[in-house]
Amino acid sequence: MKIFYDFLPIAVFFVIYKLYGIYPATASAIIISIIQVAFYWAKHRRFDMMQVITFWVILIFGGATLILHNDMFIKWKPTILNGLFALVFWGSHWFGEKTVLRRVLEDKIKLPDQIWIRLNYLWIGYFLLMGTLNLIVVYNFSTDVWVNFKLFGMLGLTLVFALLQGIYLSKHMESDNPA
């Protein structure tokens, strides 16, 4: 369900883009992000750090796209966002006692310390790869191709990465019941 929630602004962006173009799609993504942050706050009485980062990036780059009437800002948004996520995940190795992933998932799965560190580095690599792929598509293909990549390509790569991560983690998960 979380992956649907995370990709909702992208799906809305895609549909509005196909119907009305890049600028209405950008405005709709901003509006959906505002609604998501407000809904999360209303439900949990706190903010999700990743969601807040996403919100500010879409607001700044989407806003620049609309104000300056230049779609390059919104096209750079996935690269900036993935770069910021990579930075946050990398920074969590140096600030605090646990990596971001460990703080989020530790109560759900048990892993050896070294696997938590390795997993965090894998996510850093994933974010950097996604940001780089976005720029390759932005500068080598049409806006139509970029919009399709943003929804289908990034979603597909995320699902493949999550599947591979699940396989990797299944080999290292610790049991609650010692044999």
N, C-alpha and C. Protein backbone atom coordinates (compact mmCIF):
# COMPACT_ATOMS: atom_id res chain seq x y z
N MET A 1 0.81 -1.19 0.00
CA MET A 1 0.00 0.00 0.00
C MET A 1 0.86 1.26 0.00
N LYS A 2 1.99 1.22 0.70
CA LYS A 2 2.87 2.39 0.77
C LYS A 2 3.41 2.76 -0.60
N ILE A 3 3.74 1.76 -1.43
CA ILE A 3 4.26 2.07 -2.76
C ILE A 3 3.20 2.80 -3.60
N PHE A 4 1.93 2.41 -3.44
CA PHE A 4 0.84 3.12 -4.13
C PHE A 4 0.78 4.56 -3.65
N TYR A 5 0.84 4.75 -2.35
CA TYR A 5 0.79 6.08 -1.75
C TYR A 5 1.95 6.94 -2.25
N ASP A 6 3.15 6.35 -2.33
CA ASP A 6 4.32 7.09 -2.78
C ASP A 6 4.25 7.44 -4.26
N PHE A 7 3.64 6.59 -5.05
CA PHE A 7 3.58 6.83 -6.49
C PHE A 7 2.30 7.53 -6.94
N LEU A 8 1.40 7.83 -6.00
CA LEU A 8 0.16 8.51 -6.37
C LEU A 8 0.40 9.85 -7.07
N PRO A 9 1.28 10.73 -6.54
CA PRO A 9 1.52 11.99 -7.25
C PRO A 9 2.07 11.77 -8.67
N ILE A 10 2.88 10.74 -8.84
CA ILE A 10 3.43 10.45 -10.16
C ILE A 10 2.34 9.97 -11.10
N ALA A 11 1.44 9.11 -10.60
CA ALA A 11 0.33 8.62 -11.43
C ALA A 11 -0.61 9.75 -11.82
N VAL A 12 -0.92 10.64 -10.87
CA VAL A 12 -1.77 11.78 -11.17
C VAL A 12 -1.06 12.68 -12.18
N PHE A 13 0.23 12.92 -11.98
CA PHE A 13 1.03 13.72 -12.91
C PHE A 13 0.91 13.12 -14.32
N PHE A 14 1.06 11.81 -14.42
CA PHE A 14 1.02 11.11 -15.70
C PHE A 14 -0.34 11.32 -16.40
N VAL A 15 -1.41 11.09 -15.68
CA VAL A 15 -2.75 11.21 -16.27
C VAL A 15 -3.02 12.65 -16.71
N ILE A 16 -2.73 13.60 -15.85
CA ILE A 16 -2.98 15.01 -16.20
C ILE A 16 -2.07 15.44 -17.35
N TYR A 17 -0.83 14.95 -17.36
CA TYR A 17 0.07 15.28 -18.47
C TYR A 17 -0.52 14.80 -19.80
N LYS A 18 -0.99 13.56 -19.82
CA LYS A 18 -1.54 12.98 -21.05
C LYS A 18 -2.79 13.75 -21.52
N LEU A 19 -3.57 14.28 -20.58
CA LEU A 19 -4.79 14.99 -20.93
C LEU A 19 -4.57 16.48 -21.24
N TYR A 20 -3.69 17.13 -20.45
CA TYR A 20 -3.61 18.59 -20.52
C TYR A 20 -2.21 19.17 -20.72
N GLY A 21 -1.15 18.37 -20.50
CA GLY A 21 0.20 18.89 -20.70
C GLY A 21 1.00 18.99 -19.42
N ILE A 22 2.23 19.45 -19.57
CA ILE A 22 3.20 19.43 -18.49
C ILE A 22 2.87 20.40 -17.36
N TYR A 23 2.35 21.59 -17.67
CA TYR A 23 2.13 22.58 -16.62
C TYR A 23 0.93 22.24 -15.73
N PRO A 24 -0.21 21.84 -16.29
CA PRO A 24 -1.29 21.36 -15.41
C PRO A 24 -0.88 20.11 -14.62
N ALA A 25 -0.08 19.25 -15.22
CA ALA A 25 0.39 18.05 -14.52
C ALA A 25 1.26 18.43 -13.34
N THR A 26 2.12 19.42 -13.53
CA THR A 26 2.98 19.89 -12.45
C THR A 26 2.15 20.48 -11.31
N ALA A 27 1.17 21.30 -11.65
CA ALA A 27 0.29 21.88 -10.63
C ALA A 27 -0.45 20.78 -9.87
N SER A 28 -0.92 19.77 -10.57
CA SER A 28 -1.65 18.68 -9.91
C SER A 28 -0.73 17.89 -8.97
N ALA A 29 0.52 17.70 -9.35
CA ALA A 29 1.46 16.99 -8.47
C ALA A 29 1.71 17.77 -7.19
N ILE A 30 1.78 19.08 -7.31
CA ILE A 30 1.96 19.92 -6.12
C ILE A 30 0.74 19.80 -5.21
N ILE A 31 -0.44 19.88 -5.79
CA ILE A 31 -1.67 19.79 -5.01
C ILE A 31 -1.79 18.43 -4.32
N ILE A 32 -1.50 17.36 -5.04
CA ILE A 32 -1.56 16.01 -4.44
C ILE A 32 -0.56 15.89 -3.29
N SER A 33 0.62 16.46 -3.45
CA SER A 33 1.63 16.41 -2.38
C SER A 33 1.16 17.15 -1.14
N ILE A 34 0.53 18.31 -1.34
CA ILE A 34 -0.01 19.07 -0.20
C ILE A 34 -1.07 18.23 0.52
N ILE A 35 -1.95 17.61 -0.25
CA ILE A 35 -3.01 16.78 0.34
C ILE A 35 -2.41 15.60 1.10
N GLN A 36 -1.39 14.96 0.52
CA GLN A 36 -0.77 13.81 1.19
C GLN A 36 -0.14 14.20 2.52
N VAL A 37 0.60 15.30 2.55
CA VAL A 37 1.25 15.75 3.78
C VAL A 37 0.18 16.10 4.83
N ALA A 38 -0.86 16.80 4.41
CA ALA A 38 -1.94 17.17 5.34
C ALA A 38 -2.66 15.93 5.87
N PHE A 39 -2.94 14.96 4.98
CA PHE A 39 -3.62 13.73 5.39
C PHE A 39 -2.75 12.95 6.39
N TYR A 40 -1.45 12.84 6.10
CA TYR A 40 -0.55 12.12 7.01
C TYR A 40 -0.53 12.79 8.38
N TRP A 41 -0.45 14.13 8.38
CA TRP A 41 -0.45 14.87 9.64
C TRP A 41 -1.75 14.64 10.41
N ALA A 42 -2.87 14.71 9.71
CA ALA A 42 -4.16 14.53 10.36
C ALA A 42 -4.30 13.13 10.95
N LYS A 43 -3.75 12.15 10.28
CA LYS A 43 -3.88 10.77 10.74
C LYS A 43 -2.89 10.42 11.85
N HIS A 44 -1.63 10.91 11.74
CA HIS A 44 -0.58 10.48 12.67
C HIS A 44 -0.10 11.56 13.63
N ARG A 45 -0.50 12.79 13.40
CA ARG A 45 -0.06 13.92 14.22
C ARG A 45 1.47 14.07 14.24
N ARG A 46 2.06 13.72 13.15
CA ARG A 46 3.51 13.91 12.94
C ARG A 46 3.75 13.90 11.44
N PHE A 47 4.96 14.29 11.06
CA PHE A 47 5.32 14.29 9.65
C PHE A 47 6.29 13.15 9.37
N ASP A 48 6.19 12.56 8.19
CA ASP A 48 7.13 11.57 7.72
C ASP A 48 8.27 12.32 7.02
N MET A 49 9.51 12.12 7.47
CA MET A 49 10.65 12.88 6.96
C MET A 49 10.77 12.78 5.44
N MET A 50 10.67 11.59 4.88
CA MET A 50 10.82 11.41 3.44
C MET A 50 9.70 12.13 2.68
N GLN A 51 8.51 12.08 3.22
CA GLN A 51 7.38 12.74 2.59
C GLN A 51 7.56 14.26 2.61
N VAL A 52 8.09 14.78 3.70
CA VAL A 52 8.32 16.22 3.80
C VAL A 52 9.41 16.66 2.80
N ILE A 53 10.46 15.87 2.69
CA ILE A 53 11.51 16.18 1.70
C ILE A 53 10.90 16.19 0.30
N THR A 54 10.12 15.16 -0.01
CA THR A 54 9.47 15.08 -1.32
C THR A 54 8.57 16.29 -1.55
N PHE A 55 7.81 16.66 -0.54
CA PHE A 55 6.91 17.81 -0.64
C PHE A 55 7.68 19.09 -0.99
N TRP A 56 8.74 19.36 -0.26
CA TRP A 56 9.49 20.60 -0.51
C TRP A 56 10.16 20.60 -1.87
N VAL A 57 10.65 19.45 -2.30
CA VAL A 57 11.28 19.39 -3.62
C VAL A 57 10.24 19.62 -4.72
N ILE A 58 9.08 18.99 -4.61
CA ILE A 58 8.04 19.20 -5.63
C ILE A 58 7.53 20.64 -5.59
N LEU A 59 7.41 21.20 -4.40
CA LEU A 59 6.95 22.58 -4.28
C LEU A 59 7.95 23.55 -4.91
N ILE A 60 9.23 23.36 -4.63
CA ILE A 60 10.26 24.26 -5.17
C ILE A 60 10.43 24.07 -6.67
N PHE A 61 10.65 22.84 -7.10
CA PHE A 61 10.92 22.61 -8.53
C PHE A 61 9.66 22.69 -9.38
N GLY A 62 8.53 22.24 -8.82
CA GLY A 62 7.27 22.40 -9.53
C GLY A 62 6.87 23.86 -9.60
N GLY A 63 7.07 24.57 -8.49
CA GLY A 63 6.78 25.99 -8.48
C GLY A 63 7.63 26.76 -9.48
N ALA A 64 8.92 26.43 -9.54
CA ALA A 64 9.81 27.07 -10.52
C ALA A 64 9.36 26.76 -11.94
N THR A 65 8.93 25.53 -12.17
CA THR A 65 8.42 25.15 -13.49
C THR A 65 7.24 26.02 -13.88
N LEU A 66 6.31 26.20 -12.95
CA LEU A 66 5.10 26.98 -13.25
C LEU A 66 5.39 28.48 -13.36
N ILE A 67 6.18 29.01 -12.45
CA ILE A 67 6.46 30.45 -12.45
C ILE A 67 7.32 30.84 -13.65
N LEU A 68 8.35 30.06 -13.94
CA LEU A 68 9.27 30.39 -15.03
C LEU A 68 8.86 29.78 -16.37
N HIS A 69 7.80 28.98 -16.33
CA HIS A 69 7.30 28.31 -17.54
C HIS A 69 8.43 27.55 -18.26
N ASN A 70 9.16 26.77 -17.46
CA ASN A 70 10.30 25.99 -17.97
C ASN A 70 10.20 24.59 -17.37
N ASP A 71 9.91 23.60 -18.23
CA ASP A 71 9.70 22.23 -17.73
C ASP A 71 10.98 21.53 -17.28
N MET A 72 12.12 22.14 -17.50
CA MET A 72 13.37 21.49 -17.08
C MET A 72 13.44 21.37 -15.55
N PHE A 73 12.82 22.29 -14.83
CA PHE A 73 12.84 22.21 -13.36
C PHE A 73 12.12 20.96 -12.88
N ILE A 74 10.94 20.68 -13.40
CA ILE A 74 10.20 19.49 -12.96
C ILE A 74 10.90 18.22 -13.42
N LYS A 75 11.59 18.29 -14.55
CA LYS A 75 12.31 17.11 -15.04
C LYS A 75 13.52 16.79 -14.15
N TRP A 76 14.09 17.80 -13.54
CA TRP A 76 15.22 17.59 -12.64
C TRP A 76 14.78 17.12 -11.25
N LYS A 77 13.51 17.29 -10.93
CA LYS A 77 13.01 16.96 -9.59
C LYS A 77 13.35 15.55 -9.14
N PRO A 78 13.13 14.49 -9.96
CA PRO A 78 13.48 13.15 -9.49
C PRO A 78 14.98 12.99 -9.17
N THR A 79 15.82 13.65 -9.93
CA THR A 79 17.26 13.56 -9.67
C THR A 79 17.61 14.25 -8.36
N ILE A 80 17.06 15.43 -8.15
CA ILE A 80 17.32 16.16 -6.90
C ILE A 80 16.78 15.37 -5.71
N LEU A 81 15.57 14.86 -5.84
CA LEU A 81 14.95 14.10 -4.76
C LEU A 81 15.76 12.84 -4.43
N ASN A 82 16.14 12.08 -5.45
CA ASN A 82 16.95 10.88 -5.20
C ASN A 82 18.30 11.24 -4.62
N GLY A 83 18.88 12.34 -5.06
CA GLY A 83 20.15 12.80 -4.49
C GLY A 83 20.01 13.16 -3.02
N LEU A 84 18.93 13.83 -2.67
CA LEU A 84 18.69 14.17 -1.26
C LEU A 84 18.48 12.93 -0.42
N PHE A 85 17.71 11.96 -0.95
CA PHE A 85 17.52 10.71 -0.21
C PHE A 85 18.86 9.99 -0.01
N ALA A 86 19.68 9.96 -1.05
CA ALA A 86 21.00 9.33 -0.92
C ALA A 86 21.82 10.03 0.15
N LEU A 87 21.74 11.35 0.19
CA LEU A 87 22.47 12.13 1.19
C LEU A 87 21.98 11.83 2.60
N VAL A 88 20.65 11.75 2.77
CA VAL A 88 20.09 11.45 4.08
C VAL A 88 20.52 10.05 4.53
N PHE A 89 20.43 9.08 3.63
CA PHE A 89 20.83 7.71 3.98
C PHE A 89 22.32 7.64 4.28
N TRP A 90 23.14 8.33 3.50
CA TRP A 90 24.58 8.36 3.74
C TRP A 90 24.88 9.05 5.06
N GLY A 91 24.21 10.19 5.30
CA GLY A 91 24.43 10.93 6.53
C GLY A 91 24.06 10.13 7.77
N SER A 92 23.10 9.21 7.62
CA SER A 92 22.69 8.43 8.78
C SER A 92 23.78 7.47 9.25
N HIS A 93 24.80 7.24 8.41
CA HIS A 93 25.94 6.43 8.84
C HIS A 93 26.81 7.22 9.83
N TRP A 94 26.75 8.53 9.75
CA TRP A 94 27.65 9.38 10.53
C TRP A 94 26.94 10.11 11.66
N PHE A 95 25.61 10.29 11.53
CA PHE A 95 24.86 11.03 12.54
C PHE A 95 23.80 10.11 13.13
N GLY A 96 23.83 9.97 14.43
CA GLY A 96 22.89 9.07 15.09
C GLY A 96 23.51 7.69 15.26
N GLU A 97 22.84 6.87 16.02
CA GLU A 97 23.36 5.55 16.32
C GLU A 97 22.97 4.49 15.30
N LYS A 98 21.92 4.78 14.51
CA LYS A 98 21.42 3.79 13.56
C LYS A 98 21.20 4.44 12.21
N THR A 99 21.29 3.62 11.16
CA THR A 99 21.00 4.12 9.83
C THR A 99 19.50 4.37 9.69
N VAL A 100 19.13 5.13 8.67
CA VAL A 100 17.72 5.44 8.43
C VAL A 100 16.90 4.16 8.32
N LEU A 101 17.35 3.23 7.51
CA LEU A 101 16.58 2.00 7.31
C LEU A 101 16.41 1.22 8.61
N ARG A 102 17.46 1.17 9.39
CA ARG A 102 17.37 0.43 10.65
C ARG A 102 16.35 1.08 11.59
N ARG A 103 16.36 2.42 11.64
CA ARG A 103 15.39 3.12 12.49
C ARG A 103 13.96 2.84 12.06
N VAL A 104 13.75 2.75 10.75
CA VAL A 104 12.39 2.57 10.21
C VAL A 104 11.93 1.12 10.31
N LEU A 105 12.83 0.18 10.05
CA LEU A 105 12.42 -1.22 9.89
C LEU A 105 12.81 -2.15 11.03
N GLU A 106 13.60 -1.70 11.96
CA GLU A 106 14.14 -2.57 13.00
C GLU A 106 13.06 -3.28 13.82
N ASP A 107 11.93 -2.64 14.03
CA ASP A 107 10.88 -3.29 14.82
C ASP A 107 10.10 -4.31 14.00
N LYS A 108 10.32 -4.34 12.68
CA LYS A 108 9.62 -5.28 11.80
C LYS A 108 10.47 -6.49 11.42
N ILE A 109 11.77 -6.27 11.24
CA ILE A 109 12.67 -7.37 10.88
C ILE A 109 13.95 -7.28 11.70
N LYS A 110 14.53 -8.43 11.94
CA LYS A 110 15.79 -8.49 12.69
C LYS A 110 16.90 -8.91 11.73
N LEU A 111 17.94 -8.09 11.71
CA LEU A 111 19.09 -8.36 10.84
C LEU A 111 20.37 -8.12 11.61
N PRO A 112 21.44 -8.80 11.24
CA PRO A 112 22.75 -8.51 11.85
C PRO A 112 23.17 -7.07 11.53
N ASP A 113 23.97 -6.49 12.41
CA ASP A 113 24.42 -5.10 12.25
C ASP A 113 25.01 -4.83 10.87
N GLN A 114 25.88 -5.70 10.41
CA GLN A 114 26.55 -5.49 9.13
C GLN A 114 25.56 -5.47 7.95
N ILE A 115 24.50 -6.24 8.05
CA ILE A 115 23.50 -6.28 6.98
C ILE A 115 22.72 -4.97 6.94
N TRP A 116 22.42 -4.39 8.12
CA TRP A 116 21.75 -3.09 8.14
C TRP A 116 22.62 -2.04 7.42
N ILE A 117 23.90 -2.07 7.68
CA ILE A 117 24.81 -1.11 7.04
C ILE A 117 24.85 -1.35 5.54
N ARG A 118 25.02 -2.60 5.15
CA ARG A 118 25.07 -2.94 3.72
C ARG A 118 23.77 -2.55 3.02
N LEU A 119 22.64 -2.80 3.66
CA LEU A 119 21.34 -2.47 3.08
C LEU A 119 21.21 -0.97 2.87
N ASN A 120 21.66 -0.20 3.84
CA ASN A 120 21.61 1.25 3.70
C ASN A 120 22.46 1.71 2.51
N TYR A 121 23.65 1.12 2.35
CA TYR A 121 24.51 1.47 1.20
C TYR A 121 23.86 1.05 -0.12
N LEU A 122 23.16 -0.06 -0.13
CA LEU A 122 22.46 -0.48 -1.35
C LEU A 122 21.40 0.56 -1.73
N TRP A 123 20.69 1.09 -0.74
CA TRP A 123 19.70 2.11 -1.03
C TRP A 123 20.36 3.41 -1.52
N ILE A 124 21.50 3.74 -0.97
CA ILE A 124 22.23 4.92 -1.45
C ILE A 124 22.57 4.73 -2.93
N GLY A 125 23.09 3.57 -3.27
CA GLY A 125 23.41 3.27 -4.67
C GLY A 125 22.18 3.31 -5.55
N TYR A 126 21.07 2.77 -5.06
CA TYR A 126 19.82 2.78 -5.82
C TYR A 126 19.37 4.22 -6.10
N PHE A 127 19.38 5.06 -5.07
CA PHE A 127 18.97 6.45 -5.26
C PHE A 127 19.87 7.17 -6.27
N LEU A 128 21.16 6.94 -6.18
CA LEU A 128 22.09 7.59 -7.12
C LEU A 128 21.86 7.08 -8.54
N LEU A 129 21.62 5.79 -8.69
CA LEU A 129 21.33 5.21 -10.00
C LEU A 129 20.05 5.81 -10.59
N MET A 130 19.01 5.90 -9.79
CA MET A 130 17.73 6.44 -10.28
C MET A 130 17.87 7.90 -10.69
N GLY A 131 18.62 8.67 -9.91
CA GLY A 131 18.84 10.07 -10.26
C GLY A 131 19.61 10.21 -11.56
N THR A 132 20.59 9.36 -11.74
CA THR A 132 21.39 9.37 -12.98
C THR A 132 20.56 8.94 -14.18
N LEU A 133 19.79 7.87 -14.02
CA LEU A 133 18.93 7.41 -15.12
C LEU A 133 17.94 8.50 -15.53
N ASN A 134 17.41 9.22 -14.53
CA ASN A 134 16.49 10.31 -14.84
C ASN A 134 17.15 11.34 -15.75
N LEU A 135 18.38 11.73 -15.42
CA LEU A 135 19.08 12.74 -16.24
C LEU A 135 19.37 12.22 -17.64
N ILE A 136 19.69 10.94 -17.74
CA ILE A 136 19.93 10.35 -19.07
C ILE A 136 18.66 10.46 -19.93
N VAL A 137 17.52 10.14 -19.34
CA VAL A 137 16.27 10.23 -20.08
C VAL A 137 15.92 11.69 -20.38
N VAL A 138 16.09 12.59 -19.41
CA VAL A 138 15.77 14.01 -19.60
C VAL A 138 16.52 14.59 -20.80
N TYR A 139 17.81 14.29 -20.89
CA TYR A 139 18.65 14.93 -21.90
C TYR A 139 18.75 14.17 -23.22
N ASN A 140 18.20 12.98 -23.29
CA ASN A 140 18.31 12.20 -24.52
C ASN A 140 16.98 11.81 -25.16
N PHE A 141 15.88 12.13 -24.50
CA PHE A 141 14.59 11.71 -25.02
C PHE A 141 13.57 12.85 -24.88
N SER A 142 12.43 12.68 -25.50
CA SER A 142 11.36 13.69 -25.46
C SER A 142 10.70 13.73 -24.08
N THR A 143 9.91 14.76 -23.87
CA THR A 143 9.15 14.88 -22.62
C THR A 143 8.17 13.72 -22.48
N ASP A 144 7.55 13.29 -23.58
CA ASP A 144 6.64 12.13 -23.52
C ASP A 144 7.35 10.89 -23.00
N VAL A 145 8.54 10.64 -23.50
CA VAL A 145 9.32 9.47 -23.05
C VAL A 145 9.68 9.64 -21.58
N TRP A 146 10.08 10.85 -21.20
CA TRP A 146 10.45 11.09 -19.80
C TRP A 146 9.26 10.83 -18.87
N VAL A 147 8.08 11.31 -19.23
CA VAL A 147 6.89 11.10 -18.39
C VAL A 147 6.60 9.60 -18.26
N ASN A 148 6.69 8.86 -19.36
CA ASN A 148 6.48 7.41 -19.31
C ASN A 148 7.54 6.73 -18.44
N PHE A 149 8.79 7.15 -18.58
CA PHE A 149 9.87 6.59 -17.75
C PHE A 149 9.62 6.90 -16.28
N LYS A 150 9.21 8.11 -15.99
CA LYS A 150 8.97 8.53 -14.61
C LYS A 150 7.95 7.63 -13.94
N LEU A 151 6.89 7.27 -14.65
CA LEU A 151 5.88 6.39 -14.05
C LEU A 151 6.27 4.93 -14.18
N PHE A 152 6.40 4.44 -15.39
CA PHE A 152 6.59 3.01 -15.61
C PHE A 152 8.03 2.54 -15.35
N GLY A 153 8.99 3.30 -15.82
CA GLY A 153 10.38 2.89 -15.65
C GLY A 153 10.82 2.93 -14.20
N MET A 154 10.55 4.05 -13.55
CA MET A 154 10.97 4.18 -12.15
C MET A 154 10.19 3.23 -11.24
N LEU A 155 8.90 3.07 -11.49
CA LEU A 155 8.11 2.14 -10.71
C LEU A 155 8.60 0.71 -10.92
N GLY A 156 8.84 0.35 -12.17
CA GLY A 156 9.34 -1.00 -12.48
C GLY A 156 10.68 -1.27 -11.83
N LEU A 157 11.59 -0.31 -11.92
CA LEU A 157 12.92 -0.49 -11.31
C LEU A 157 12.82 -0.56 -9.78
N THR A 158 11.91 0.20 -9.22
CA THR A 158 11.71 0.16 -7.76
C THR A 158 11.18 -1.21 -7.34
N LEU A 159 10.24 -1.75 -8.08
CA LEU A 159 9.70 -3.08 -7.76
C LEU A 159 10.77 -4.16 -7.89
N VAL A 160 11.59 -4.08 -8.94
CA VAL A 160 12.68 -5.06 -9.11
C VAL A 160 13.67 -4.93 -7.96
N PHE A 161 14.03 -3.71 -7.61
CA PHE A 161 14.97 -3.50 -6.51
C PHE A 161 14.40 -4.04 -5.20
N ALA A 162 13.12 -3.78 -4.94
CA ALA A 162 12.48 -4.27 -3.72
C ALA A 162 12.45 -5.81 -3.69
N LEU A 163 12.17 -6.43 -4.84
CA LEU A 163 12.15 -7.89 -4.92
C LEU A 163 13.54 -8.46 -4.64
N LEU A 164 14.56 -7.91 -5.29
CA LEU A 164 15.93 -8.37 -5.06
C LEU A 164 16.35 -8.14 -3.62
N GLN A 165 15.94 -7.03 -3.05
CA GLN A 165 16.25 -6.74 -1.66
C GLN A 165 15.59 -7.77 -0.75
N GLY A 166 14.34 -8.12 -1.04
CA GLY A 166 13.64 -9.13 -0.24
C GLY A 166 14.33 -10.47 -0.28
N ILE A 167 14.79 -10.86 -1.46
CA ILE A 167 15.52 -12.13 -1.60
C ILE A 167 16.80 -12.08 -0.79
N TYR A 168 17.53 -10.98 -0.91
CA TYR A 168 18.78 -10.81 -0.16
C TYR A 168 18.53 -10.85 1.34
N LEU A 169 17.51 -10.13 1.79
CA LEU A 169 17.23 -10.06 3.22
C LEU A 169 16.77 -11.40 3.79
N SER A 170 16.05 -12.17 3.00
CA SER A 170 15.54 -13.45 3.50
C SER A 170 16.68 -14.38 3.91
N LYS A 171 17.84 -14.20 3.33
CA LYS A 171 19.00 -15.04 3.67
C LYS A 171 19.66 -14.60 4.98
N HIS A 172 19.35 -13.39 5.42
CA HIS A 172 20.04 -12.83 6.58
C HIS A 172 19.15 -12.52 7.77
N MET A 173 17.86 -12.72 7.60
CA MET A 173 16.95 -12.38 8.70
C MET A 173 17.15 -13.32 9.87
N GLU A 174 17.14 -12.73 11.07
CA GLU A 174 17.29 -13.51 12.30
C GLU A 174 15.93 -13.90 12.82
N SER A 175 15.83 -15.07 13.37
CA SER A 175 14.57 -15.57 13.91
C SER A 175 14.37 -15.11 15.33
N ASP A 176 13.13 -14.88 15.72
CA ASP A 176 12.82 -14.55 17.11
C ASP A 176 12.89 -15.77 18.01
N ASN A 177 12.70 -16.94 17.40
CA ASN A 177 12.70 -18.19 18.17
C ASN A 177 13.97 -18.96 17.91
N PRO A 178 14.88 -19.01 18.88
CA PRO A 178 16.11 -19.79 18.67
C PRO A 178 15.78 -21.28 18.59
N ALA A 179 16.47 -21.97 17.70
CA ALA A 179 16.20 -23.40 17.50
C ALA A 179 16.88 -24.25 18.53
